[in-house]
Structures are given as structure tokens and as C-alpha cells.
Amino acid sequence: MDGGEELEIGGWKHQVVKDGEWAGWVQYGSDPFEDHAGPFYYRVDETGQRVCAMRAEKHHMNGGGFMHGGAIMTFADYCLFVIARDDLQDSRSVTAQFNGDFVGAVPVGSLVECRGEVVKAARSMVFVRGLITTGGEPVMNFSAIIKKTKPRT
């Protein structure tokens, strides 16, 4: 991470990036796989909606020169937890179901963004949907169910 202000949100460490392209964006620091697969960022926009983003780099590409489907799905999984964060504050949780449709390609160097919403937050499950885009064009739409497990201790 880039050494900005550290926040604790829902028992997880986050850091506000202070320099460079991602200045003002927030980055998790508590998921080793996402740290390895990303970096991924989020911020709250002027309407109060969370926006997730990443830059498609060479290590995210497949043999055809476009972003690998697994990299897009990993980013989508990150996004669904950012989107649902308010409904997950007092619990640990896991992705129970994920449905996604690949509808576009991402070339190297592209800014990739995601916006979404919680469709329903129930006692033990949270239903989320989202849309990943690049350059204003859709890349993947997804829906997912997050299963709340046990309270954080």
C-alpha cells in the first residue's frame, strides 16, 4: 500500500492512498490473495455509491492479450464485498454463489471499474449485483450471494 491514512472498518484494515493515480482511493490490506491478484481500490463517489477500480496490467492478461477471465472474476468477487460492506459489518462471510456473464474484453492499460447494489440483505445472506466496465463499455455483469457465517471476534 502507498502509506496513506489507515482506517479500520468492520474489523478490517484499510488504507487511503495518498499519492499517484489512486490518491484518495481506499485499498484493503487484509486479503493476501487480493493483494497478489490486484491491486484493487474503491472510493465513495459524489452520489454516495461505492465504486471499485483497478488498472489492467500485463500480469492480468491472457494469451490473447486481453484481461484473463479469472482476473475479472477475482475483481468481481472483491467488488461484491465492497458493495455489501455495510450489511456485513458484524460477521465473517463467504461467497456462496456467483453468476457472471462476460460481455466484453479488457486490453492492457485499461481502467476497469465496477458499480453495484445490494438487492436484499437478509439475516444470513446478502444478494448483490454489479456491472464491471472499461471505457464506459460493459465487461461483465454479475450477481452473487454472500453467506454470513459467524460474528467477528
N, C-alpha and C. Protein backbone atom coordinates (compact mmCIF):
# COMPACT_ATOMS: atom_id res chain seq x y z
N MET A 1 0.84 -1.17 0.00
CA MET A 1 0.00 0.00 0.00
C MET A 1 0.88 1.23 0.00
N ASP A 2 0.27 2.38 -0.28
CA ASP A 2 1.03 3.58 -0.54
C ASP A 2 1.23 4.49 0.68
N GLY A 3 1.02 4.00 1.88
CA GLY A 3 1.39 4.76 3.06
C GLY A 3 0.47 5.90 3.43
N GLY A 4 -0.81 5.85 3.07
CA GLY A 4 -1.75 6.90 3.44
C GLY A 4 -2.36 6.61 4.79
N GLU A 5 -3.42 7.33 5.11
CA GLU A 5 -4.13 7.19 6.37
C GLU A 5 -4.69 5.77 6.50
N GLU A 6 -4.49 5.15 7.66
CA GLU A 6 -5.01 3.81 7.88
C GLU A 6 -6.34 3.90 8.59
N LEU A 7 -7.32 3.12 8.12
CA LEU A 7 -8.65 3.06 8.70
C LEU A 7 -8.95 1.64 9.12
N GLU A 8 -9.76 1.48 10.17
CA GLU A 8 -10.27 0.15 10.49
C GLU A 8 -11.77 0.20 10.28
N ILE A 9 -12.26 -0.62 9.36
CA ILE A 9 -13.68 -0.65 9.02
C ILE A 9 -14.16 -2.08 9.19
N GLY A 10 -15.09 -2.27 10.11
CA GLY A 10 -15.65 -3.60 10.32
C GLY A 10 -14.62 -4.63 10.74
N GLY A 11 -13.58 -4.20 11.46
CA GLY A 11 -12.56 -5.12 11.92
C GLY A 11 -11.46 -5.40 10.91
N TRP A 12 -11.52 -4.78 9.73
CA TRP A 12 -10.51 -4.98 8.69
C TRP A 12 -9.73 -3.70 8.49
N LYS A 13 -8.44 -3.83 8.20
CA LYS A 13 -7.60 -2.66 7.95
C LYS A 13 -7.72 -2.21 6.51
N HIS A 14 -7.85 -0.90 6.33
CA HIS A 14 -7.92 -0.27 5.03
C HIS A 14 -6.94 0.89 5.06
N GLN A 15 -6.52 1.31 3.88
CA GLN A 15 -5.60 2.43 3.83
C GLN A 15 -6.01 3.35 2.68
N VAL A 16 -6.08 4.65 2.99
CA VAL A 16 -6.34 5.64 1.96
C VAL A 16 -5.03 5.93 1.26
N VAL A 17 -5.00 5.78 -0.06
CA VAL A 17 -3.79 6.01 -0.85
C VAL A 17 -3.56 7.51 -0.91
N LYS A 18 -2.33 7.95 -0.67
CA LYS A 18 -2.08 9.39 -0.63
C LYS A 18 -1.41 9.94 -1.88
N ASP A 19 -0.81 9.09 -2.72
CA ASP A 19 -0.07 9.59 -3.88
C ASP A 19 -0.45 8.83 -5.15
N GLY A 20 -0.11 9.44 -6.29
CA GLY A 20 -0.22 8.76 -7.57
C GLY A 20 -1.63 8.70 -8.11
N GLU A 21 -1.80 7.82 -9.09
CA GLU A 21 -3.07 7.66 -9.78
C GLU A 21 -4.23 7.37 -8.84
N TRP A 22 -3.96 6.67 -7.76
CA TRP A 22 -5.02 6.21 -6.86
C TRP A 22 -5.17 7.07 -5.61
N ALA A 23 -4.60 8.26 -5.61
CA ALA A 23 -4.71 9.16 -4.45
C ALA A 23 -6.19 9.38 -4.11
N GLY A 24 -6.51 9.18 -2.83
CA GLY A 24 -7.88 9.35 -2.37
C GLY A 24 -8.71 8.08 -2.40
N TRP A 25 -8.24 7.05 -3.09
CA TRP A 25 -8.94 5.77 -3.13
C TRP A 25 -8.53 4.96 -1.90
N VAL A 26 -9.31 3.96 -1.56
CA VAL A 26 -9.05 3.10 -0.40
C VAL A 26 -8.63 1.73 -0.91
N GLN A 27 -7.66 1.14 -0.19
CA GLN A 27 -7.18 -0.20 -0.52
C GLN A 27 -7.22 -1.05 0.74
N TYR A 28 -7.78 -2.28 0.61
CA TYR A 28 -7.74 -3.23 1.72
C TYR A 28 -6.29 -3.63 1.95
N GLY A 29 -5.99 -4.10 3.12
CA GLY A 29 -4.68 -4.63 3.40
C GLY A 29 -4.76 -5.94 4.13
N SER A 30 -5.88 -6.64 3.98
CA SER A 30 -6.07 -7.82 4.82
C SER A 30 -6.41 -9.09 4.03
N ASP A 31 -6.28 -9.08 2.72
CA ASP A 31 -6.57 -10.27 1.94
C ASP A 31 -5.36 -10.58 1.06
N PRO A 32 -4.53 -11.52 1.46
CA PRO A 32 -3.30 -11.80 0.72
C PRO A 32 -3.52 -12.14 -0.76
N PHE A 33 -4.59 -12.88 -1.07
CA PHE A 33 -4.83 -13.23 -2.47
C PHE A 33 -5.18 -11.99 -3.29
N GLU A 34 -6.08 -11.16 -2.77
CA GLU A 34 -6.45 -9.95 -3.50
C GLU A 34 -5.26 -9.00 -3.63
N ASP A 35 -4.42 -8.93 -2.59
CA ASP A 35 -3.22 -8.10 -2.70
C ASP A 35 -2.32 -8.61 -3.82
N HIS A 36 -2.24 -9.93 -3.97
CA HIS A 36 -1.42 -10.54 -5.02
C HIS A 36 -2.07 -10.37 -6.40
N ALA A 37 -3.37 -10.56 -6.48
CA ALA A 37 -4.09 -10.52 -7.77
C ALA A 37 -4.33 -9.10 -8.28
N GLY A 38 -4.39 -8.14 -7.41
CA GLY A 38 -4.72 -6.75 -7.77
C GLY A 38 -3.53 -5.97 -8.28
N PRO A 39 -3.43 -4.77 -7.82
CA PRO A 39 -4.15 -4.16 -6.71
C PRO A 39 -5.54 -3.67 -7.11
N PHE A 40 -6.45 -3.70 -6.12
CA PHE A 40 -7.82 -3.25 -6.29
C PHE A 40 -8.07 -2.08 -5.33
N TYR A 41 -8.95 -1.18 -5.73
CA TYR A 41 -9.24 0.02 -4.96
C TYR A 41 -10.73 0.29 -4.95
N TYR A 42 -11.17 1.11 -3.99
CA TYR A 42 -12.54 1.60 -4.02
C TYR A 42 -12.60 3.00 -3.42
N ARG A 43 -13.67 3.69 -3.74
CA ARG A 43 -13.96 5.00 -3.17
C ARG A 43 -15.47 5.17 -3.17
N VAL A 44 -15.92 6.20 -2.47
CA VAL A 44 -17.33 6.55 -2.47
C VAL A 44 -17.46 7.76 -3.39
N ASP A 45 -18.36 7.67 -4.38
CA ASP A 45 -18.50 8.77 -5.35
C ASP A 45 -19.40 9.86 -4.79
N GLU A 46 -19.64 10.88 -5.60
CA GLU A 46 -20.42 12.05 -5.18
C GLU A 46 -21.87 11.72 -4.87
N THR A 47 -22.38 10.57 -5.33
CA THR A 47 -23.76 10.16 -5.03
C THR A 47 -23.84 9.26 -3.81
N GLY A 48 -22.69 8.92 -3.22
CA GLY A 48 -22.65 8.03 -2.07
C GLY A 48 -22.49 6.56 -2.43
N GLN A 49 -22.38 6.26 -3.72
CA GLN A 49 -22.22 4.87 -4.17
C GLN A 49 -20.75 4.48 -4.15
N ARG A 50 -20.47 3.25 -3.75
CA ARG A 50 -19.10 2.75 -3.81
C ARG A 50 -18.75 2.39 -5.25
N VAL A 51 -17.55 2.78 -5.65
CA VAL A 51 -17.01 2.47 -6.97
C VAL A 51 -15.70 1.73 -6.74
N CYS A 52 -15.55 0.57 -7.36
CA CYS A 52 -14.30 -0.19 -7.30
C CYS A 52 -13.56 0.01 -8.61
N ALA A 53 -12.23 -0.06 -8.55
CA ALA A 53 -11.45 0.12 -9.78
C ALA A 53 -10.11 -0.59 -9.68
N MET A 54 -9.55 -0.84 -10.85
CA MET A 54 -8.21 -1.40 -10.97
C MET A 54 -7.67 -1.00 -12.34
N ARG A 55 -6.39 -1.11 -12.53
CA ARG A 55 -5.76 -0.89 -13.82
C ARG A 55 -5.35 -2.25 -14.36
N ALA A 56 -5.79 -2.60 -15.57
CA ALA A 56 -5.43 -3.88 -16.18
C ALA A 56 -3.96 -3.83 -16.60
N GLU A 57 -3.15 -4.62 -15.92
CA GLU A 57 -1.71 -4.64 -16.18
C GLU A 57 -1.33 -5.92 -16.91
N LYS A 58 -0.10 -5.97 -17.36
CA LYS A 58 0.38 -7.11 -18.15
C LYS A 58 0.15 -8.44 -17.44
N HIS A 59 0.36 -8.48 -16.12
CA HIS A 59 0.20 -9.75 -15.40
C HIS A 59 -1.27 -10.18 -15.27
N HIS A 60 -2.22 -9.34 -15.67
CA HIS A 60 -3.64 -9.70 -15.66
C HIS A 60 -4.09 -10.28 -17.00
N MET A 61 -3.23 -10.28 -18.01
CA MET A 61 -3.63 -10.64 -19.36
C MET A 61 -3.59 -12.15 -19.60
N ASN A 62 -4.40 -12.59 -20.56
CA ASN A 62 -4.36 -13.98 -21.01
C ASN A 62 -3.47 -14.08 -22.25
N GLY A 63 -3.39 -15.26 -22.83
CA GLY A 63 -2.54 -15.46 -24.01
C GLY A 63 -2.98 -14.68 -25.22
N GLY A 64 -4.25 -14.26 -25.25
CA GLY A 64 -4.76 -13.47 -26.37
C GLY A 64 -4.52 -11.98 -26.23
N GLY A 65 -3.93 -11.58 -25.11
CA GLY A 65 -3.63 -10.17 -24.90
C GLY A 65 -4.74 -9.36 -24.24
N PHE A 66 -5.77 -10.04 -23.74
CA PHE A 66 -6.85 -9.37 -23.03
C PHE A 66 -6.88 -9.85 -21.58
N MET A 67 -7.58 -9.12 -20.73
CA MET A 67 -7.64 -9.48 -19.32
C MET A 67 -8.22 -10.88 -19.16
N HIS A 68 -7.54 -11.70 -18.39
CA HIS A 68 -7.93 -13.09 -18.14
C HIS A 68 -9.27 -13.12 -17.41
N GLY A 69 -10.14 -14.05 -17.79
CA GLY A 69 -11.44 -14.18 -17.15
C GLY A 69 -11.34 -14.40 -15.66
N GLY A 70 -10.34 -15.15 -15.23
CA GLY A 70 -10.15 -15.38 -13.79
C GLY A 70 -9.79 -14.11 -13.05
N ALA A 71 -9.03 -13.23 -13.71
CA ALA A 71 -8.69 -11.94 -13.10
C ALA A 71 -9.94 -11.07 -12.97
N ILE A 72 -10.79 -11.11 -13.99
CA ILE A 72 -12.03 -10.34 -13.94
C ILE A 72 -12.93 -10.88 -12.83
N MET A 73 -13.02 -12.19 -12.70
CA MET A 73 -13.85 -12.78 -11.65
C MET A 73 -13.31 -12.48 -10.26
N THR A 74 -11.99 -12.48 -10.12
CA THR A 74 -11.40 -12.13 -8.83
C THR A 74 -11.74 -10.69 -8.46
N PHE A 75 -11.64 -9.79 -9.44
CA PHE A 75 -12.01 -8.40 -9.20
C PHE A 75 -13.50 -8.30 -8.84
N ALA A 76 -14.36 -9.04 -9.53
CA ALA A 76 -15.79 -9.03 -9.24
C ALA A 76 -16.06 -9.51 -7.81
N ASP A 77 -15.35 -10.54 -7.36
CA ASP A 77 -15.53 -11.04 -6.01
C ASP A 77 -15.13 -9.99 -4.98
N TYR A 78 -14.02 -9.31 -5.23
CA TYR A 78 -13.61 -8.19 -4.38
C TYR A 78 -14.73 -7.14 -4.33
N CYS A 79 -15.25 -6.79 -5.51
CA CYS A 79 -16.27 -5.74 -5.61
C CYS A 79 -17.53 -6.09 -4.85
N LEU A 80 -17.96 -7.33 -4.92
CA LEU A 80 -19.23 -7.66 -4.26
C LEU A 80 -19.14 -7.48 -2.76
N PHE A 81 -17.97 -7.71 -2.17
CA PHE A 81 -17.81 -7.49 -0.73
C PHE A 81 -17.71 -6.00 -0.40
N VAL A 82 -17.14 -5.20 -1.28
CA VAL A 82 -17.13 -3.75 -1.08
C VAL A 82 -18.55 -3.22 -1.17
N ILE A 83 -19.30 -3.66 -2.17
CA ILE A 83 -20.68 -3.22 -2.36
C ILE A 83 -21.52 -3.57 -1.14
N ALA A 84 -21.33 -4.75 -0.57
CA ALA A 84 -22.15 -5.24 0.54
C ALA A 84 -21.59 -4.90 1.92
N ARG A 85 -20.52 -4.15 1.98
CA ARG A 85 -19.80 -3.93 3.24
C ARG A 85 -20.70 -3.51 4.40
N ASP A 86 -21.62 -2.58 4.19
CA ASP A 86 -22.47 -2.11 5.29
C ASP A 86 -23.32 -3.23 5.88
N ASP A 87 -23.68 -4.21 5.08
CA ASP A 87 -24.52 -5.31 5.54
C ASP A 87 -23.71 -6.47 6.11
N LEU A 88 -22.39 -6.34 6.13
CA LEU A 88 -21.51 -7.42 6.61
C LEU A 88 -20.70 -7.01 7.83
N GLN A 89 -20.97 -5.87 8.40
CA GLN A 89 -20.13 -5.30 9.45
C GLN A 89 -19.87 -6.22 10.64
N ASP A 90 -20.86 -6.96 11.07
CA ASP A 90 -20.71 -7.74 12.29
C ASP A 90 -20.53 -9.23 12.05
N SER A 91 -20.12 -9.61 10.85
CA SER A 91 -19.98 -11.04 10.58
C SER A 91 -18.81 -11.32 9.65
N ARG A 92 -18.37 -12.53 9.71
CA ARG A 92 -17.48 -13.04 8.67
C ARG A 92 -18.41 -13.51 7.57
N SER A 93 -17.88 -13.65 6.38
CA SER A 93 -18.76 -14.05 5.28
C SER A 93 -17.96 -14.65 4.15
N VAL A 94 -18.67 -15.40 3.31
CA VAL A 94 -18.05 -16.07 2.16
C VAL A 94 -18.97 -15.93 0.96
N THR A 95 -18.39 -16.04 -0.22
CA THR A 95 -19.19 -16.08 -1.44
C THR A 95 -19.83 -17.45 -1.53
N ALA A 96 -21.16 -17.51 -1.52
CA ALA A 96 -21.86 -18.78 -1.58
C ALA A 96 -22.25 -19.13 -3.02
N GLN A 97 -22.57 -18.12 -3.79
CA GLN A 97 -22.94 -18.34 -5.19
C GLN A 97 -22.49 -17.14 -6.00
N PHE A 98 -22.03 -17.40 -7.21
CA PHE A 98 -21.58 -16.33 -8.10
C PHE A 98 -22.01 -16.67 -9.52
N ASN A 99 -22.71 -15.76 -10.17
CA ASN A 99 -23.11 -15.91 -11.56
C ASN A 99 -22.57 -14.71 -12.32
N GLY A 100 -21.90 -14.96 -13.41
CA GLY A 100 -21.35 -13.85 -14.18
C GLY A 100 -21.43 -14.10 -15.67
N ASP A 101 -21.61 -13.04 -16.40
CA ASP A 101 -21.62 -13.10 -17.86
C ASP A 101 -20.52 -12.18 -18.38
N PHE A 102 -19.59 -12.76 -19.13
CA PHE A 102 -18.55 -11.97 -19.78
C PHE A 102 -19.14 -11.38 -21.05
N VAL A 103 -19.15 -10.06 -21.17
CA VAL A 103 -19.79 -9.42 -22.32
C VAL A 103 -18.85 -8.48 -23.07
N GLY A 104 -17.58 -8.40 -22.64
CA GLY A 104 -16.63 -7.53 -23.31
C GLY A 104 -15.21 -7.89 -22.93
N ALA A 105 -14.26 -7.27 -23.61
CA ALA A 105 -12.84 -7.55 -23.38
C ALA A 105 -12.15 -6.32 -22.80
N VAL A 106 -11.04 -6.58 -22.10
CA VAL A 106 -10.26 -5.51 -21.47
C VAL A 106 -8.83 -5.57 -21.96
N PRO A 107 -8.38 -4.58 -22.73
CA PRO A 107 -6.99 -4.55 -23.15
C PRO A 107 -6.07 -4.05 -22.04
N VAL A 108 -4.80 -4.37 -22.15
CA VAL A 108 -3.81 -3.94 -21.17
C VAL A 108 -3.81 -2.41 -21.07
N GLY A 109 -3.65 -1.92 -19.85
CA GLY A 109 -3.61 -0.49 -19.60
C GLY A 109 -4.95 0.14 -19.30
N SER A 110 -6.03 -0.60 -19.50
CA SER A 110 -7.37 -0.04 -19.33
C SER A 110 -7.73 0.15 -17.86
N LEU A 111 -8.50 1.20 -17.59
CA LEU A 111 -9.10 1.39 -16.27
C LEU A 111 -10.36 0.53 -16.23
N VAL A 112 -10.47 -0.31 -15.22
CA VAL A 112 -11.61 -1.21 -15.06
C VAL A 112 -12.37 -0.75 -13.82
N GLU A 113 -13.68 -0.55 -13.95
CA GLU A 113 -14.49 -0.05 -12.84
C GLU A 113 -15.68 -0.96 -12.59
N CYS A 114 -16.21 -0.89 -11.38
CA CYS A 114 -17.40 -1.67 -11.02
C CYS A 114 -18.29 -0.85 -10.11
N ARG A 115 -19.56 -0.91 -10.40
CA ARG A 115 -20.60 -0.35 -9.54
C ARG A 115 -21.65 -1.42 -9.34
N GLY A 116 -22.34 -1.36 -8.23
CA GLY A 116 -23.36 -2.36 -7.99
C GLY A 116 -24.27 -1.96 -6.86
N GLU A 117 -25.07 -2.92 -6.44
CA GLU A 117 -26.03 -2.65 -5.37
C GLU A 117 -26.36 -3.93 -4.62
N VAL A 118 -26.77 -3.74 -3.38
CA VAL A 118 -27.33 -4.85 -2.61
C VAL A 118 -28.80 -4.93 -3.00
N VAL A 119 -29.19 -6.09 -3.51
CA VAL A 119 -30.58 -6.31 -3.91
C VAL A 119 -31.42 -6.59 -2.66
N LYS A 120 -30.88 -7.40 -1.76
CA LYS A 120 -31.56 -7.71 -0.50
C LYS A 120 -30.53 -8.16 0.51
N ALA A 121 -30.67 -7.65 1.72
CA ALA A 121 -29.84 -8.11 2.83
C ALA A 121 -30.73 -8.83 3.82
N ALA A 122 -30.60 -10.14 3.88
CA ALA A 122 -31.38 -10.96 4.80
C ALA A 122 -30.55 -11.27 6.03
N ARG A 123 -31.11 -12.03 6.94
CA ARG A 123 -30.42 -12.34 8.20
C ARG A 123 -29.08 -13.02 7.98
N SER A 124 -29.04 -14.02 7.08
CA SER A 124 -27.80 -14.77 6.91
C SER A 124 -27.23 -14.69 5.49
N MET A 125 -27.92 -14.01 4.58
CA MET A 125 -27.43 -13.91 3.21
C MET A 125 -27.62 -12.49 2.68
N VAL A 126 -26.70 -12.09 1.81
CA VAL A 126 -26.79 -10.79 1.16
C VAL A 126 -26.72 -11.03 -0.35
N PHE A 127 -27.68 -10.49 -1.07
CA PHE A 127 -27.79 -10.67 -2.52
C PHE A 127 -27.29 -9.40 -3.19
N VAL A 128 -26.32 -9.56 -4.10
CA VAL A 128 -25.63 -8.42 -4.70
C VAL A 128 -25.63 -8.57 -6.21
N ARG A 129 -25.69 -7.45 -6.91
CA ARG A 129 -25.46 -7.48 -8.35
C ARG A 129 -24.55 -6.32 -8.72
N GLY A 130 -23.81 -6.50 -9.82
CA GLY A 130 -22.86 -5.48 -10.22
C GLY A 130 -22.58 -5.52 -11.71
N LEU A 131 -21.94 -4.45 -12.17
CA LEU A 131 -21.54 -4.33 -13.56
C LEU A 131 -20.12 -3.81 -13.61
N ILE A 132 -19.25 -4.56 -14.27
CA ILE A 132 -17.87 -4.15 -14.49
C ILE A 132 -17.78 -3.55 -15.88
N THR A 133 -17.10 -2.40 -15.97
CA THR A 133 -16.97 -1.70 -17.26
C THR A 133 -15.53 -1.25 -17.48
N THR A 134 -15.23 -0.95 -18.74
CA THR A 134 -14.00 -0.26 -19.09
C THR A 134 -14.33 0.71 -20.22
N GLY A 135 -13.90 1.94 -20.09
CA GLY A 135 -14.19 2.94 -21.10
C GLY A 135 -15.68 3.13 -21.32
N GLY A 136 -16.48 2.91 -20.28
CA GLY A 136 -17.93 3.05 -20.39
C GLY A 136 -18.64 1.87 -21.03
N GLU A 137 -17.88 0.85 -21.45
CA GLU A 137 -18.46 -0.34 -22.09
C GLU A 137 -18.51 -1.49 -21.10
N PRO A 138 -19.59 -2.28 -21.12
CA PRO A 138 -19.69 -3.41 -20.18
C PRO A 138 -18.67 -4.51 -20.48
N VAL A 139 -18.15 -5.08 -19.42
CA VAL A 139 -17.20 -6.19 -19.50
C VAL A 139 -17.82 -7.45 -18.89
N MET A 140 -18.44 -7.30 -17.72
CA MET A 140 -19.07 -8.43 -17.04
C MET A 140 -20.22 -7.91 -16.20
N ASN A 141 -21.35 -8.59 -16.27
CA ASN A 141 -22.39 -8.35 -15.27
C ASN A 141 -22.42 -9.57 -14.37
N PHE A 142 -22.73 -9.35 -13.11
CA PHE A 142 -22.72 -10.47 -12.17
C PHE A 142 -23.79 -10.31 -11.10
N SER A 143 -24.16 -11.44 -10.53
CA SER A 143 -24.98 -11.47 -9.33
C SER A 143 -24.36 -12.51 -8.42
N ALA A 144 -24.49 -12.28 -7.14
CA ALA A 144 -23.86 -13.18 -6.18
C ALA A 144 -24.63 -13.19 -4.88
N ILE A 145 -24.41 -14.26 -4.13
CA ILE A 145 -24.97 -14.38 -2.79
C ILE A 145 -23.79 -14.53 -1.82
N ILE A 146 -23.78 -13.68 -0.83
CA ILE A 146 -22.79 -13.76 0.24
C ILE A 146 -23.46 -14.41 1.45
N LYS A 147 -22.84 -15.43 1.99
CA LYS A 147 -23.34 -16.11 3.18
C LYS A 147 -22.61 -15.58 4.40
N LYS A 148 -23.38 -15.03 5.35
CA LYS A 148 -22.79 -14.61 6.62
C LYS A 148 -22.51 -15.86 7.44
N THR A 149 -21.36 -15.90 8.06
CA THR A 149 -21.01 -17.07 8.87
C THR A 149 -21.09 -16.70 10.34
N LYS A 150 -19.99 -16.57 11.01
CA LYS A 150 -20.02 -16.29 12.44
C LYS A 150 -19.61 -14.84 12.70
N PRO A 151 -19.98 -14.32 13.86
CA PRO A 151 -19.57 -12.95 14.19
C PRO A 151 -18.06 -12.82 14.28
N ARG A 152 -17.55 -11.64 13.98
CA ARG A 152 -16.12 -11.37 14.13
C ARG A 152 -15.80 -11.26 15.59
N THR A 153 -14.64 -11.79 15.97
CA THR A 153 -14.22 -11.69 17.36
C THR A 153 -12.93 -10.93 17.49
